[in-house]
Structure formats: C-alpha cells, structure tokens
Protein backbone atom coordinates (compact mmCIF):
# COMPACT_ATOMS: atom_id res chain seq x y z
CA MET A 1 153.20 185.46 -29.16
CA ASN A 2 152.29 186.39 -32.78
CA ASP A 3 152.85 183.34 -34.97
CA GLN A 4 154.55 181.36 -32.25
CA ILE A 5 152.74 178.54 -30.52
CA ALA A 6 152.27 179.01 -26.79
CA LEU A 7 154.63 176.84 -24.74
CA LYS A 8 151.81 174.77 -23.24
CA ASN A 9 150.41 174.00 -26.69
CA LEU A 10 153.88 173.14 -27.93
CA GLN A 11 154.34 170.66 -25.09
CA SER A 12 150.94 169.11 -25.82
CA LEU A 13 151.79 168.70 -29.49
CA ASN A 14 155.11 167.14 -28.54
CA ASP A 15 153.18 164.65 -26.40
CA VAL A 16 151.00 163.85 -29.42
CA LEU A 17 154.13 163.21 -31.49
CA ASP A 18 155.52 160.89 -28.82
CA ALA A 19 152.23 158.98 -28.59
CA GLU A 20 151.95 158.55 -32.37
CA LYS A 21 155.55 157.37 -32.56
CA LEU A 22 154.95 154.80 -29.82
CA TYR A 23 151.72 153.65 -31.47
CA TYR A 24 153.56 153.23 -34.79
CA GLU A 25 156.36 151.27 -33.15
CA LYS A 26 153.93 148.93 -31.38
CA LEU A 27 152.00 148.35 -34.58
CA SER A 28 155.27 147.64 -36.41
CA TYR A 29 156.05 144.95 -33.88
CA TYR A 30 152.55 143.49 -34.00
CA ALA A 31 152.72 143.30 -37.79
CA THR A 32 155.78 141.05 -37.49
CA VAL A 33 154.17 138.57 -35.09
CA ILE A 34 150.62 138.39 -36.44
CA SER A 35 149.95 135.44 -38.70
CA ASP A 36 146.34 136.15 -39.69
CA PRO A 37 146.52 137.94 -43.09
CA GLU A 38 143.42 140.09 -42.52
CA LEU A 39 144.56 141.20 -39.08
CA LYS A 40 148.07 141.84 -40.42
CA LYS A 41 146.64 144.03 -43.20
CA LEU A 42 144.52 145.97 -40.69
CA THR A 43 147.55 146.46 -38.44
CA GLU A 44 149.57 147.79 -41.38
CA LYS A 45 146.70 150.16 -42.26
CA PHE A 46 146.69 151.52 -38.70
CA GLN A 47 150.45 151.82 -38.85
CA GLU A 48 150.25 154.02 -41.96
CA SER A 49 147.55 156.15 -40.31
CA ALA A 50 149.77 156.69 -37.27
CA LYS A 51 152.67 157.65 -39.52
CA SER A 52 150.49 160.10 -41.42
CA ARG A 53 149.20 161.75 -38.24
CA TYR A 54 152.74 162.00 -36.88
CA TYR A 55 153.96 163.85 -39.96
CA LYS A 56 150.93 166.15 -40.06
CA VAL A 57 151.65 167.30 -36.51
CA TYR A 58 155.39 167.48 -37.22
CA ASP A 59 154.83 169.60 -40.35
CA TYR A 60 152.48 171.88 -38.42
CA LEU A 61 155.12 172.42 -35.75
CA LYS A 62 157.80 173.07 -38.36
CA SER A 63 155.60 175.67 -40.05
CA HIS A 64 155.42 177.59 -36.75
CA GLN A 65 159.11 177.33 -35.94
CA LYS A 66 161.14 180.51 -35.60
CA SER A 67 163.28 181.22 -38.64
C-alpha cells in the first residue's frame, strides 16, 4: 500500500468530492434566485467554502496518485 490510499478511503474521498460539488451547484442556483442581499452574500460565502474544500480534497488525491 505504501503511499497509495486504500481503495475504501479513495471511495470515501470520492464521495466527499461528489457531495461538495453538489453543495456548490445548489448554492450557485440559490444565489441566482435569492433577492435578500445579506442572504445572497452568505450563500456566496458558503459557495466559496464548498469550492475550497472540493479543491483541497482533489489536490490531496492528486498528490497520492500513481505516477
């Protein structure tokens, strides 16, 4: 196994990626239909957080990918 991630962990991390992507997409939609400026700003903040988490997990997976 060395530097490779166990298959079960890899599948779990892939599930995290899928969940963050879905969360981001939902927040993107909500940001287009919300009219309250404060709520819209909060939604956009959550959207950026989801995007950041997605790329952190993605980068982690890439760093453990076979060359």
